[in-house]
């Protein structure tokens, strides 16, 4: 498990003190969230791609870092890319495919 930063520690402390309260989304927002989740995770077609071994190793390491299967990570990245919501954040991992550290 990764180390918590100050912001995350503050949230955890608030949770443990019982200071956070759960709120229910409106019916309209709940329907919107359900529709988005359904559209995101529909598995209608199978696609086969060839990746270099170093790239696949990097993807698998990033998926492990994110706590998800690597196929799910690939699908998520592609979905975010095609929907215009892909935001690239630096990884704490060393990139094997280029031989450079980030």
PDB file of N, CA and C in Angstrom:
ATOM      1  N   UNK A   1       0.838  -1.181   0.000  1.00  0.00           N
ATOM      2  CA  UNK A   1       0.000   0.000   0.000  1.00  0.00           C
ATOM      3  C   UNK A   1       0.877   1.236   0.000  1.00  0.00           C
ATOM      4  N   UNK A   2       0.492   2.237  -0.789  1.00  0.00           N
ATOM      5  CA  UNK A   2       1.329   3.425  -0.889  1.00  0.00           C
ATOM      6  C   UNK A   2       1.204   4.287   0.363  1.00  0.00           C
ATOM      7  N   UNK A   3       2.180   5.118   0.571  1.00  0.00           N
ATOM      8  CA  UNK A   3       2.210   6.021   1.709  1.00  0.00           C
ATOM      9  C   UNK A   3       1.197   7.148   1.489  1.00  0.00           C
ATOM     10  N   UNK A   4       0.472   7.525   2.522  1.00  0.00           N
ATOM     11  CA  UNK A   4      -0.514   8.592   2.414  1.00  0.00           C
ATOM     12  C   UNK A   4       0.161   9.952   2.481  1.00  0.00           C
ATOM     13  N   UNK A   5      -0.308  10.881   1.623  1.00  0.00           N
ATOM     14  CA  UNK A   5       0.201  12.248   1.730  1.00  0.00           C
ATOM     15  C   UNK A   5      -0.607  12.986   2.803  1.00  0.00           C
ATOM     16  N   UNK A   6      -0.283  14.248   3.061  1.00  0.00           N
ATOM     17  CA  UNK A   6      -0.929  15.013   4.139  1.00  0.00           C
ATOM     18  C   UNK A   6      -2.437  15.132   3.920  1.00  0.00           C
ATOM     19  N   UNK A   7      -2.848  15.370   2.680  1.00  0.00           N
ATOM     20  CA  UNK A   7      -4.272  15.508   2.364  1.00  0.00           C
ATOM     21  C   UNK A   7      -5.012  14.205   2.649  1.00  0.00           C
ATOM     22  N   UNK A   8      -4.425  13.084   2.206  1.00  0.00           N
ATOM     23  CA  UNK A   8      -5.048  11.781   2.432  1.00  0.00           C
ATOM     24  C   UNK A   8      -5.106  11.439   3.920  1.00  0.00           C
ATOM     25  N   UNK A   9      -4.046  11.777   4.664  1.00  0.00           N
ATOM     26  CA  UNK A   9      -4.041  11.540   6.109  1.00  0.00           C
ATOM     27  C   UNK A   9      -5.146  12.339   6.790  1.00  0.00           C
ATOM     28  N   UNK A  10      -5.343  13.591   6.347  1.00  0.00           N
ATOM     29  CA  UNK A  10      -6.390  14.437   6.909  1.00  0.00           C
ATOM     30  C   UNK A  10      -7.770  13.818   6.675  1.00  0.00           C
ATOM     31  N   UNK A  11      -7.992  13.307   5.486  1.00  0.00           N
ATOM     32  CA  UNK A  11      -9.274  12.656   5.177  1.00  0.00           C
ATOM     33  C   UNK A  11      -9.455  11.412   6.044  1.00  0.00           C
ATOM     34  N   UNK A  12      -8.414  10.597   6.151  1.00  0.00           N
ATOM     35  CA  UNK A  12      -8.498   9.389   6.966  1.00  0.00           C
ATOM     36  C   UNK A  12      -8.765   9.732   8.432  1.00  0.00           C
ATOM     37  N   UNK A  13      -8.092  10.743   8.950  1.00  0.00           N
ATOM     38  CA  UNK A  13      -8.320  11.165  10.337  1.00  0.00           C
ATOM     39  C   UNK A  13      -9.767  11.618  10.537  1.00  0.00           C
ATOM     40  N   UNK A  14     -10.279  12.400   9.588  1.00  0.00           N
ATOM     41  CA  UNK A  14     -11.669  12.866   9.677  1.00  0.00           C
ATOM     42  C   UNK A  14     -12.637  11.694   9.646  1.00  0.00           C
ATOM     43  N   UNK A  15     -12.359  10.719   8.793  1.00  0.00           N
ATOM     44  CA  UNK A  15     -13.211   9.536   8.705  1.00  0.00           C
ATOM     45  C   UNK A  15     -13.204   8.767  10.025  1.00  0.00           C
ATOM     46  N   UNK A  16     -12.004   8.553  10.557  1.00  0.00           N
ATOM     47  CA  UNK A  16     -11.878   7.782  11.792  1.00  0.00           C
ATOM     48  C   UNK A  16     -12.519   8.490  12.985  1.00  0.00           C
ATOM     49  N   UNK A  17     -12.588   9.823  12.955  1.00  0.00           N
ATOM     50  CA  UNK A  17     -13.234  10.593  14.024  1.00  0.00           C
ATOM     51  C   UNK A  17     -14.749  10.674  13.824  1.00  0.00           C
ATOM     52  N   UNK A  18     -15.235  10.150  12.701  1.00  0.00           N
ATOM     53  CA  UNK A  18     -16.672  10.200  12.420  1.00  0.00           C
ATOM     54  C   UNK A  18     -17.150  11.553  11.946  1.00  0.00           C
ATOM     55  N   UNK A  19     -16.233  12.367  11.435  1.00  0.00           N
ATOM     56  CA  UNK A  19     -16.576  13.714  10.995  1.00  0.00           C
ATOM     57  C   UNK A  19     -17.149  13.762   9.577  1.00  0.00           C
ATOM     58  N   UNK A  20     -17.004  12.695   8.837  1.00  0.00           N
ATOM     59  CA  UNK A  20     -17.507  12.665   7.462  1.00  0.00           C
ATOM     60  C   UNK A  20     -18.890  12.033   7.437  1.00  0.00           C
ATOM     61  N   UNK A  21     -19.764  12.608   6.644  1.00  0.00           N
ATOM     62  CA  UNK A  21     -21.119  12.087   6.527  1.00  0.00           C
ATOM     63  C   UNK A  21     -21.383  11.701   5.075  1.00  0.00           C
ATOM     64  N   UNK A  22     -22.029  10.565   4.909  1.00  0.00           N
ATOM     65  CA  UNK A  22     -22.382  10.095   3.578  1.00  0.00           C
ATOM     66  C   UNK A  22     -23.632  10.830   3.117  1.00  0.00           C
ATOM     67  N   UNK A  23     -23.615  11.243   1.866  1.00  0.00           N
ATOM     68  CA  UNK A  23     -24.813  11.866   1.296  1.00  0.00           C
ATOM     69  C   UNK A  23     -25.240  11.051   0.091  1.00  0.00           C
ATOM     70  N   UNK A  24     -26.531  10.998  -0.122  1.00  0.00           N
ATOM     71  CA  UNK A  24     -27.060  10.255  -1.260  1.00  0.00           C
ATOM     72  C   UNK A  24     -27.183  11.184  -2.454  1.00  0.00           C
ATOM     73  N   UNK A  25     -26.771  10.718  -3.630  1.00  0.00           N
ATOM     74  CA  UNK A  25     -26.935  11.554  -4.819  1.00  0.00           C
ATOM     75  C   UNK A  25     -28.412  11.670  -5.180  1.00  0.00           C
ATOM     76  N   UNK A  26     -28.731  12.723  -5.902  1.00  0.00           N
ATOM     77  CA  UNK A  26     -30.108  12.879  -6.359  1.00  0.00           C
ATOM     78  C   UNK A  26     -30.442  11.750  -7.324  1.00  0.00           C
ATOM     79  N   UNK A  27     -31.732  11.505  -7.514  1.00  0.00           N
ATOM     80  CA  UNK A  27     -32.138  10.435  -8.438  1.00  0.00           C
ATOM     81  C   UNK A  27     -31.611  10.712  -9.841  1.00  0.00           C
ATOM     82  N   UNK A  28     -31.606  11.990 -10.214  1.00  0.00           N
ATOM     83  CA  UNK A  28     -31.114  12.367 -11.547  1.00  0.00           C
ATOM     84  C   UNK A  28     -29.622  12.051 -11.678  1.00  0.00           C
ATOM     85  N   UNK A  29     -28.828  12.434 -10.671  1.00  0.00           N
ATOM     86  CA  UNK A  29     -27.390  12.151 -10.718  1.00  0.00           C
ATOM     87  C   UNK A  29     -27.117  10.658 -10.628  1.00  0.00           C
ATOM     88  N   UNK A  30     -27.865   9.951  -9.820  1.00  0.00           N
ATOM     89  CA  UNK A  30     -27.681   8.512  -9.692  1.00  0.00           C
ATOM     90  C   UNK A  30     -27.913   7.824 -11.037  1.00  0.00           C
ATOM     91  N   UNK A  31     -28.949   8.219 -11.743  1.00  0.00           N
ATOM     92  CA  UNK A  31     -29.225   7.649 -13.065  1.00  0.00           C
ATOM     93  C   UNK A  31     -28.095   7.959 -14.034  1.00  0.00           C
ATOM     94  N   UNK A  32     -27.569   9.185 -13.955  1.00  0.00           N
ATOM     95  CA  UNK A  32     -26.473   9.584 -14.830  1.00  0.00           C
ATOM     96  C   UNK A  32     -25.208   8.771 -14.527  1.00  0.00           C
ATOM     97  N   UNK A  33     -24.918   8.580 -13.232  1.00  0.00           N
ATOM     98  CA  UNK A  33     -23.744   7.801 -12.838  1.00  0.00           C
ATOM     99  C   UNK A  33     -23.875   6.347 -13.282  1.00  0.00           C
ATOM    100  N   UNK A  34     -25.075   5.773 -13.127  1.00  0.00           N
ATOM    101  CA  UNK A  34     -25.292   4.382 -13.539  1.00  0.00           C
ATOM    102  C   UNK A  34     -25.113   4.222 -15.047  1.00  0.00           C
ATOM    103  N   UNK A  35     -25.636   5.184 -15.813  1.00  0.00           N
ATOM    104  CA  UNK A  35     -25.511   5.125 -17.269  1.00  0.00           C
ATOM    105  C   UNK A  35     -24.043   5.216 -17.686  1.00  0.00           C
ATOM    106  N   UNK A  36     -23.291   6.104 -17.019  1.00  0.00           N
ATOM    107  CA  UNK A  36     -21.868   6.255 -17.348  1.00  0.00           C
ATOM    108  C   UNK A  36     -21.103   4.987 -17.003  1.00  0.00           C
ATOM    109  N   UNK A  37     -21.400   4.390 -15.853  1.00  0.00           N
ATOM    110  CA  UNK A  37     -20.724   3.154 -15.449  1.00  0.00           C
ATOM    111  C   UNK A  37     -21.039   2.019 -16.414  1.00  0.00           C
ATOM    112  N   UNK A  38     -22.293   1.917 -16.815  1.00  0.00           N
ATOM    113  CA  UNK A  38     -22.690   0.870 -17.754  1.00  0.00           C
ATOM    114  C   UNK A  38     -21.977   1.045 -19.088  1.00  0.00           C
ATOM    115  N   UNK A  39     -21.945   2.276 -19.590  1.00  0.00           N
ATOM    116  CA  UNK A  39     -21.289   2.538 -20.874  1.00  0.00           C
ATOM    117  C   UNK A  39     -19.789   2.268 -20.794  1.00  0.00           C
ATOM    118  N   UNK A  40     -19.192   2.566 -19.655  1.00  0.00           N
ATOM    119  CA  UNK A  40     -17.753   2.388 -19.487  1.00  0.00           C
ATOM    120  C   UNK A  40     -17.356   0.926 -19.475  1.00  0.00           C
ATOM    121  N   UNK A  41     -18.164   0.094 -18.847  1.00  0.00           N
ATOM    122  CA  UNK A  41     -17.756  -1.281 -18.633  1.00  0.00           C
ATOM    123  C   UNK A  41     -18.439  -2.298 -19.533  1.00  0.00           C
ATOM    124  N   UNK A  42     -19.139  -1.849 -20.568  1.00  0.00           N
ATOM    125  CA  UNK A  42     -19.706  -2.798 -21.522  1.00  0.00           C
ATOM    126  C   UNK A  42     -18.577  -3.498 -22.263  1.00  0.00           C
ATOM    127  N   UNK A  43     -18.681  -4.779 -22.382  1.00  0.00           N
ATOM    128  CA  UNK A  43     -17.655  -5.556 -23.075  1.00  0.00           C
ATOM    129  C   UNK A  43     -18.320  -6.237 -24.262  1.00  0.00           C
ATOM    130  N   UNK A  44     -18.428  -5.505 -25.351  1.00  0.00           N
ATOM    131  CA  UNK A  44     -19.133  -6.017 -26.510  1.00  0.00           C
ATOM    132  C   UNK A  44     -18.211  -6.656 -27.541  1.00  0.00           C
ATOM    133  N   UNK A  45     -17.008  -6.143 -27.665  1.00  0.00           N
ATOM    134  CA  UNK A  45     -16.105  -6.616 -28.711  1.00  0.00           C
ATOM    135  C   UNK A  45     -14.752  -6.980 -28.112  1.00  0.00           C
ATOM    136  N   UNK A  46     -14.111  -7.928 -28.737  1.00  0.00           N
ATOM    137  CA  UNK A  46     -12.765  -8.329 -28.334  1.00  0.00           C
ATOM    138  C   UNK A  46     -11.789  -7.748 -29.346  1.00  0.00           C
ATOM    139  N   UNK A  47     -10.677  -7.230 -28.851  1.00  0.00           N
ATOM    140  CA  UNK A  47      -9.638  -6.668 -29.705  1.00  0.00           C
ATOM    141  C   UNK A  47      -8.312  -7.305 -29.308  1.00  0.00           C
ATOM    142  N   UNK A  48      -7.555  -7.722 -30.283  1.00  0.00           N
ATOM    143  CA  UNK A  48      -6.217  -8.263 -30.026  1.00  0.00           C
ATOM    144  C   UNK A  48      -5.193  -7.262 -30.523  1.00  0.00           C
ATOM    145  N   UNK A  49      -4.205  -6.978 -29.702  1.00  0.00           N
ATOM    146  CA  UNK A  49      -3.134  -6.070 -30.113  1.00  0.00           C
ATOM    147  C   UNK A  49      -1.794  -6.695 -29.750  1.00  0.00           C
ATOM    148  N   UNK A  50      -0.774  -6.279 -30.454  1.00  0.00           N
ATOM    149  CA  UNK A  50       0.578  -6.727 -30.145  1.00  0.00           C
ATOM    150  C   UNK A  50       1.301  -5.568 -29.472  1.00  0.00           C
ATOM    151  N   UNK A  51       1.944  -5.872 -28.345  1.00  0.00           N
ATOM    152  CA  UNK A  51       2.715  -4.885 -27.602  1.00  0.00           C
ATOM    153  C   UNK A  51       4.131  -5.402 -27.421  1.00  0.00           C
ATOM    154  N   UNK A  52       5.069  -4.491 -27.346  1.00  0.00           N
ATOM    155  CA  UNK A  52       6.434  -4.924 -27.032  1.00  0.00           C
ATOM    156  C   UNK A  52       6.451  -5.430 -25.593  1.00  0.00           C
ATOM    157  N   UNK A  53       7.362  -6.326 -25.316  1.00  0.00           N
ATOM    158  CA  UNK A  53       7.478  -6.877 -23.956  1.00  0.00           C
ATOM    159  C   UNK A  53       7.723  -5.776 -22.926  1.00  0.00           C
ATOM    160  N   UNK A  54       8.633  -4.818 -23.182  1.00  0.00           N
ATOM    161  CA  UNK A  54       8.826  -3.759 -22.185  1.00  0.00           C
ATOM    162  C   UNK A  54       7.561  -2.925 -21.938  1.00  0.00           C
ATOM    163  N   UNK A  55       6.812  -2.615 -23.018  1.00  0.00           N
ATOM    164  CA  UNK A  55       5.581  -1.849 -22.835  1.00  0.00           C
ATOM    165  C   UNK A  55       4.561  -2.635 -22.010  1.00  0.00           C
ATOM    166  N   UNK A  56       4.414  -3.918 -22.294  1.00  0.00           N
ATOM    167  CA  UNK A  56       3.486  -4.735 -21.531  1.00  0.00           C
ATOM    168  C   UNK A  56       3.908  -4.815 -20.065  1.00  0.00           C
ATOM    169  N   UNK A  57       5.193  -4.933 -19.821  1.00  0.00           N
ATOM    170  CA  UNK A  57       5.681  -4.957 -18.436  1.00  0.00           C
ATOM    171  C   UNK A  57       5.375  -3.639 -17.723  1.00  0.00           C
ATOM    172  N   UNK A  58       5.547  -2.514 -18.440  1.00  0.00           N
ATOM    173  CA  UNK A  58       5.222  -1.206 -17.857  1.00  0.00           C
ATOM    174  C   UNK A  58       3.730  -1.101 -17.554  1.00  0.00           C
ATOM    175  N   UNK A  59       2.902  -1.585 -18.463  1.00  0.00           N
ATOM    176  CA  UNK A  59       1.450  -1.551 -18.264  1.00  0.00           C
ATOM    177  C   UNK A  59       1.072  -2.418 -17.065  1.00  0.00           C
ATOM    178  N   UNK A  60       1.644  -3.600 -16.986  1.00  0.00           N
ATOM    179  CA  UNK A  60       1.332  -4.488 -15.868  1.00  0.00           C
ATOM    180  C   UNK A  60       1.791  -3.886 -14.540  1.00  0.00           C
ATOM    181  N   UNK A  61       2.949  -3.241 -14.534  1.00  0.00           N
ATOM    182  CA  UNK A  61       3.442  -2.598 -13.308  1.00  0.00           C
ATOM    183  C   UNK A  61       2.528  -1.437 -12.911  1.00  0.00           C
ATOM    184  N   UNK A  62       2.098  -0.641 -13.893  1.00  0.00           N
ATOM    185  CA  UNK A  62       1.199   0.489 -13.599  1.00  0.00           C
ATOM    186  C   UNK A  62      -0.136  -0.037 -13.089  1.00  0.00           C
ATOM    187  N   UNK A  63      -0.645  -1.106 -13.676  1.00  0.00           N
ATOM    188  CA  UNK A  63      -1.909  -1.685 -13.217  1.00  0.00           C
ATOM    189  C   UNK A  63      -1.780  -2.172 -11.780  1.00  0.00           C
ATOM    190  N   UNK A  64      -0.660  -2.784 -11.463  1.00  0.00           N
ATOM    191  CA  UNK A  64      -0.414  -3.223 -10.092  1.00  0.00           C
ATOM    192  C   UNK A  64      -0.385  -2.017  -9.153  1.00  0.00           C
ATOM    193  N   UNK A  65       0.255  -0.943  -9.596  1.00  0.00           N
ATOM    194  CA  UNK A  65       0.318   0.304  -8.822  1.00  0.00           C
ATOM    195  C   UNK A  65      -1.089   0.859  -8.573  1.00  0.00           C
ATOM    196  N   UNK A  66      -1.960   0.723  -9.573  1.00  0.00           N
ATOM    197  CA  UNK A  66      -3.330   1.224  -9.475  1.00  0.00           C
ATOM    198  C   UNK A  66      -4.275   0.230  -8.812  1.00  0.00           C
ATOM    199  N   UNK A  67      -3.823  -1.013  -8.640  1.00  0.00           N
ATOM    200  CA  UNK A  67      -4.646  -2.024  -7.994  1.00  0.00           C
ATOM    201  C   UNK A  67      -5.742  -2.597  -8.865  1.00  0.00           C
ATOM    202  N   UNK A  68      -5.430  -2.803 -10.150  1.00  0.00           N
ATOM    203  CA  UNK A  68      -6.423  -3.358 -11.067  1.00  0.00           C
ATOM    204  C   UNK A  68      -5.750  -4.280 -12.069  1.00  0.00           C
ATOM    205  N   UNK A  69      -6.524  -5.167 -12.713  1.00  0.00           N
ATOM    206  CA  UNK A  69      -5.957  -6.017 -13.766  1.00  0.00           C
ATOM    207  C   UNK A  69      -5.457  -5.158 -14.939  1.00  0.00           C
ATOM    208  N   UNK A  70      -4.386  -5.614 -15.590  1.00  0.00           N
ATOM    209  CA  UNK A  70      -3.815  -4.790 -16.649  1.00  0.00           C
ATOM    210  C   UNK A  70      -4.756  -4.622 -17.841  1.00  0.00           C
ATOM    211  N   UNK A  71      -5.603  -5.629 -18.126  1.00  0.00           N
ATOM    212  CA  UNK A  71      -6.554  -5.475 -19.228  1.00  0.00           C
ATOM    213  C   UNK A  71      -7.564  -4.361 -18.918  1.00  0.00           C
ATOM    214  N   UNK A  72      -7.973  -4.267 -17.658  1.00  0.00           N
ATOM    215  CA  UNK A  72      -8.902  -3.215 -17.238  1.00  0.00           C
ATOM    216  C   UNK A  72      -8.245  -1.853 -17.382  1.00  0.00           C
ATOM    217  N   UNK A  73      -6.975  -1.762 -17.012  1.00  0.00           N
ATOM    218  CA  UNK A  73      -6.250  -0.501 -17.160  1.00  0.00           C
ATOM    219  C   UNK A  73      -6.183  -0.077 -18.622  1.00  0.00           C
ATOM    220  N   UNK A  74      -5.859  -1.012 -19.511  1.00  0.00           N
ATOM    221  CA  UNK A  74      -5.780  -0.697 -20.941  1.00  0.00           C
ATOM    222  C   UNK A  74      -7.137  -0.196 -21.443  1.00  0.00           C
ATOM    223  N   UNK A  75      -8.226  -0.908 -21.089  1.00  0.00           N
ATOM    224  CA  UNK A  75      -9.562  -0.501 -21.525  1.00  0.00           C
ATOM    225  C   UNK A  75      -9.923   0.872 -20.975  1.00  0.00           C
ATOM    226  N   UNK A  76      -9.564   1.135 -19.724  1.00  0.00           N
ATOM    227  CA  UNK A  76      -9.862   2.418 -19.099  1.00  0.00           C
ATOM    228  C   UNK A  76      -9.114   3.561 -19.794  1.00  0.00           C
ATOM    229  N   UNK A  77      -7.836   3.345 -20.070  1.00  0.00           N
ATOM    230  CA  UNK A  77      -7.040   4.370 -20.748  1.00  0.00           C
ATOM    231  C   UNK A  77      -7.610   4.662 -22.138  1.00  0.00           C
ATOM    232  N   UNK A  78      -7.949   3.614 -22.872  1.00  0.00           N
ATOM    233  CA  UNK A  78      -8.519   3.816 -24.210  1.00  0.00           C
ATOM    234  C   UNK A  78      -9.857   4.543 -24.143  1.00  0.00           C
ATOM    235  N   UNK A  79     -10.700   4.175 -23.177  1.00  0.00           N
ATOM    236  CA  UNK A  79     -11.990   4.847 -23.022  1.00  0.00           C
ATOM    237  C   UNK A  79     -11.797   6.328 -22.707  1.00  0.00           C
ATOM    238  N   UNK A  80     -10.903   6.625 -21.785  1.00  0.00           N
ATOM    239  CA  UNK A  80     -10.650   8.032 -21.436  1.00  0.00           C
ATOM    240  C   UNK A  80     -10.090   8.797 -22.626  1.00  0.00           C
ATOM    241  N   UNK A  81      -9.222   8.155 -23.412  1.00  0.00           N
ATOM    242  CA  UNK A  81      -8.655   8.811 -24.587  1.00  0.00           C
ATOM    243  C   UNK A  81      -9.732   9.169 -25.605  1.00  0.00           C
ATOM    244  N   UNK A  82     -10.579   8.204 -25.949  1.00  0.00           N
ATOM    245  CA  UNK A  82     -11.580   8.464 -26.984  1.00  0.00           C
ATOM    246  C   UNK A  82     -12.669   9.414 -26.502  1.00  0.00           C
ATOM    247  N   UNK A  83     -12.877   9.500 -25.179  1.00  0.00           N
ATOM    248  CA  UNK A  83     -13.893  10.423 -24.665  1.00  0.00           C
ATOM    249  C   UNK A  83     -13.295  11.784 -24.326  1.00  0.00           C
ATOM    250  N   UNK A  84     -11.986  11.970 -24.591  1.00  0.00           N
ATOM    251  CA  UNK A  84     -11.347  13.268 -24.366  1.00  0.00           C
ATOM    252  C   UNK A  84     -11.066  13.573 -22.903  1.00  0.00           C
ATOM    253  N   UNK A  85     -11.043  12.543 -22.057  1.00  0.00           N
ATOM    254  CA  UNK A  85     -10.832  12.778 -20.627  1.00  0.00           C
ATOM    255  C   UNK A  85      -9.524  12.193 -20.115  1.00  0.00           C
ATOM    256  N   UNK A  86      -8.591  11.911 -20.998  1.00  0.00           N
ATOM    257  CA  UNK A  86      -7.331  11.318 -20.578  1.00  0.00           C
ATOM    258  C   UNK A  86      -6.427  12.398 -19.991  1.00  0.00           C
ATOM    259  N   UNK A  87      -6.053  12.205 -18.732  1.00  0.00           N
ATOM    260  CA  UNK A  87      -5.127  13.110 -18.056  1.00  0.00           C
ATOM    261  C   UNK A  87      -3.948  12.270 -17.609  1.00  0.00           C
ATOM    262  N   UNK A  88      -2.789  12.573 -18.136  1.00  0.00           N
ATOM    263  CA  UNK A  88      -1.612  11.770 -17.822  1.00  0.00           C
ATOM    264  C   UNK A  88      -0.925  12.328 -16.596  1.00  0.00           C
ATOM    265  N   UNK A  89      -0.723  11.457 -15.605  1.00  0.00           N
ATOM    266  CA  UNK A  89      -0.012  11.812 -14.384  1.00  0.00           C
ATOM    267  C   UNK A  89       1.280  11.022 -14.332  1.00  0.00           C
ATOM    268  N   UNK A  90       2.339  11.599 -13.781  1.00  0.00           N
ATOM    269  CA  UNK A  90       3.595  10.863 -13.705  1.00  0.00           C
ATOM    270  C   UNK A  90       3.492   9.672 -12.767  1.00  0.00           C
ATOM    271  N   UNK A  91       4.217   8.636 -13.095  1.00  0.00           N
ATOM    272  CA  UNK A  91       4.246   7.419 -12.283  1.00  0.00           C
ATOM    273  C   UNK A  91       5.489   7.433 -11.409  1.00  0.00           C
ATOM    274  N   UNK A  92       5.414   6.727 -10.301  1.00  0.00           N
ATOM    275  CA  UNK A  92       6.597   6.585  -9.451  1.00  0.00           C
ATOM    276  C   UNK A  92       7.508   5.482  -9.974  1.00  0.00           C
ATOM    277  N   UNK A  93       7.064   4.785 -11.014  1.00  0.00           N
ATOM    278  CA  UNK A  93       7.840   3.673 -11.565  1.00  0.00           C
ATOM    279  C   UNK A  93       8.895   4.163 -12.553  1.00  0.00           C
ATOM    280  N   UNK A  94       9.947   3.410 -12.692  1.00  0.00           N
ATOM    281  CA  UNK A  94      10.954   3.675 -13.711  1.00  0.00           C
ATOM    282  C   UNK A  94      10.452   3.083 -15.015  1.00  0.00           C
ATOM    283  N   UNK A  95      10.544   3.843 -16.086  1.00  0.00           N
ATOM    284  CA  UNK A  95      10.088   3.351 -17.384  1.00  0.00           C
ATOM    285  C   UNK A  95      11.140   2.423 -17.956  1.00  0.00           C
ATOM    286  N   UNK A  96      10.768   1.157 -18.139  1.00  0.00           N
ATOM    287  CA  UNK A  96      11.698   0.184 -18.698  1.00  0.00           C
ATOM    288  C   UNK A  96      11.794   0.312 -20.209  1.00  0.00           C
ATOM    289  N   UNK A  97      10.695   0.712 -20.857  1.00  0.00           N
ATOM    290  CA  UNK A  97      10.667   0.682 -22.310  1.00  0.00           C
ATOM    291  C   UNK A  97      11.581   1.734 -22.939  1.00  0.00           C
ATOM    292  N   UNK A  98      11.907   2.811 -22.223  1.00  0.00           N
ATOM    293  CA  UNK A  98      12.784   3.826 -22.788  1.00  0.00           C
ATOM    294  C   UNK A  98      14.137   3.852 -22.111  1.00  0.00           C
ATOM    295  N   UNK A  99      14.221   3.174 -20.952  1.00  0.00           N
ATOM    296  CA  UNK A  99      15.490   3.164 -20.240  1.00  0.00           C
ATOM    297  C   UNK A  99      15.718   4.409 -19.411  1.00  0.00           C
ATOM    298  N   UNK A 100      14.729   5.327 -19.361  1.00  0.00           N
ATOM    299  CA  UNK A 100      14.866   6.564 -18.606  1.00  0.00           C
ATOM    300  C   UNK A 100      13.958   6.530 -17.401  1.00  0.00           C
ATOM    301  N   UNK A 101      14.349   7.220 -16.370  1.00  0.00           N
ATOM    302  CA  UNK A 101      13.460   7.411 -15.213  1.00  0.00           C
ATOM    303  C   UNK A 101      12.583   8.599 -15.503  1.00  0.00           C
ATOM    304  N   UNK A 102      11.382   8.565 -14.996  1.00  0.00           N
ATOM    305  CA  UNK A 102      10.458   9.694 -15.193  1.00  0.00           C
ATOM    306  C   UNK A 102      10.825  10.816 -14.277  1.00  0.00           C
TER     307      UNK A 102
END
